Amino acid sequence: MKNDNNKTLMFAISNSLSKPEAISFARTMNGGDRWYITKVFENPKARHIEDRERWVVVRDVRKGEIVPNGYALFVKRQNLLEN
């Protein structure tokens, strides 16, 4: 599913994490799905380095799957980092 801004619906697996935490969490995931991380928040003026960027682990929506609102995330494909 795509919206007008060329964004794709993804299923969010995690809450917002720092980049190293998101990468290590994505590496622990099992199954045949491809896991990606995407940046959801950026504040370059934050006091602590780990608070400057927040990342979420996402995957593609499976065929016929209904995504609840709390786990739906529209993401530009070029902003995804494959793990």
Protein backbone atom coordinates (compact mmCIF):
# COMPACT_ATOMS: atom_id res chain seq x y z
CA MET A 1 0.00 0.00 0.00
CA LYS A 2 1.36 3.41 -0.98
CA ASN A 3 0.19 6.93 -0.22
CA ASP A 4 0.59 10.15 -2.23
CA ASN A 5 4.10 10.97 -0.96
CA ASN A 6 5.62 7.77 -2.43
CA LYS A 7 5.69 6.14 1.01
CA THR A 8 5.04 2.45 1.67
CA LEU A 9 3.12 0.97 4.58
CA MET A 10 5.43 -1.02 6.87
CA PHE A 11 4.80 -3.05 10.04
CA ALA A 12 6.74 -1.60 13.00
CA ILE A 13 8.27 -4.32 15.16
CA SER A 14 9.91 -2.23 17.87
CA ASN A 15 9.54 0.99 19.76
CA SER A 16 11.97 3.78 18.99
CA LEU A 17 15.53 2.76 19.84
CA SER A 18 19.01 4.15 19.39
CA LYS A 19 20.68 3.00 16.17
CA PRO A 20 22.99 0.37 17.77
CA GLU A 21 20.06 -1.06 19.75
CA ALA A 22 17.85 -1.20 16.63
CA ILE A 23 20.56 -2.94 14.62
CA SER A 24 21.24 -5.55 17.30
CA PHE A 25 17.51 -6.15 17.81
CA ALA A 26 16.94 -6.61 14.06
CA ARG A 27 19.77 -9.15 13.91
CA THR A 28 18.05 -11.31 16.53
CA MET A 29 14.83 -11.60 14.49
CA ASN A 30 14.12 -15.03 12.98
CA GLY A 31 11.99 -16.00 10.02
CA GLY A 32 11.95 -15.44 6.30
CA ASP A 33 11.06 -11.74 6.43
CA ARG A 34 13.49 -8.97 5.55
CA TRP A 35 14.01 -6.56 8.41
CA TYR A 36 14.86 -2.89 7.99
CA ILE A 37 15.51 0.01 10.30
CA THR A 38 14.29 3.52 9.63
CA LYS A 39 14.87 6.82 11.38
CA VAL A 40 11.73 8.21 13.02
CA PHE A 41 13.14 11.10 15.05
CA GLU A 42 16.14 13.41 14.85
CA ASN A 43 17.21 16.18 17.22
CA PRO A 44 20.81 17.26 16.55
CA LYS A 45 20.77 19.54 19.60
CA ALA A 46 20.01 16.79 22.11
CA ARG A 47 22.39 16.67 25.03
CA HIS A 48 23.20 12.94 24.83
CA ILE A 49 24.34 11.25 21.62
CA GLU A 50 21.91 8.34 21.99
CA ASP A 51 18.97 10.78 22.15
CA ARG A 52 19.81 12.56 18.89
CA GLU A 53 18.33 9.90 16.60
CA ARG A 54 15.64 7.31 17.21
CA TRP A 55 15.18 4.28 14.94
CA VAL A 56 12.44 1.65 14.52
CA VAL A 57 12.73 -1.92 13.20
CA VAL A 58 10.17 -2.52 10.42
CA ARG A 59 9.22 -5.22 7.92
CA ASP A 60 7.04 -5.40 4.83
CA VAL A 61 3.36 -6.10 5.31
CA ARG A 62 2.50 -9.69 4.45
CA LYS A 63 -0.16 -10.40 1.85
CA GLY A 64 -3.61 -10.18 3.43
CA GLU A 65 -2.27 -8.94 6.77
CA ILE A 66 -4.17 -6.23 8.64
CA VAL A 67 -1.86 -3.80 10.41
CA PRO A 68 -3.22 -2.19 13.62
CA ASN A 69 -2.82 1.58 13.90
CA GLY A 70 -0.16 1.35 16.60
CA TYR A 71 2.11 -0.70 14.33
CA ALA A 72 1.50 1.03 10.99
CA LEU A 73 4.29 3.23 9.71
CA PHE A 74 4.56 4.90 6.30
CA VAL A 75 8.19 4.97 5.16
CA LYS A 76 10.03 6.11 2.04
CA ARG A 77 11.88 3.11 0.61
CA GLN A 78 15.09 5.11 0.14
CA ASN A 79 15.18 5.87 3.91
CA LEU A 80 15.32 2.20 4.91
CA LEU A 81 18.53 0.54 6.05
CA GLU A 82 18.54 -3.18 5.36
CA ASN A 83 19.85 -5.41 8.07
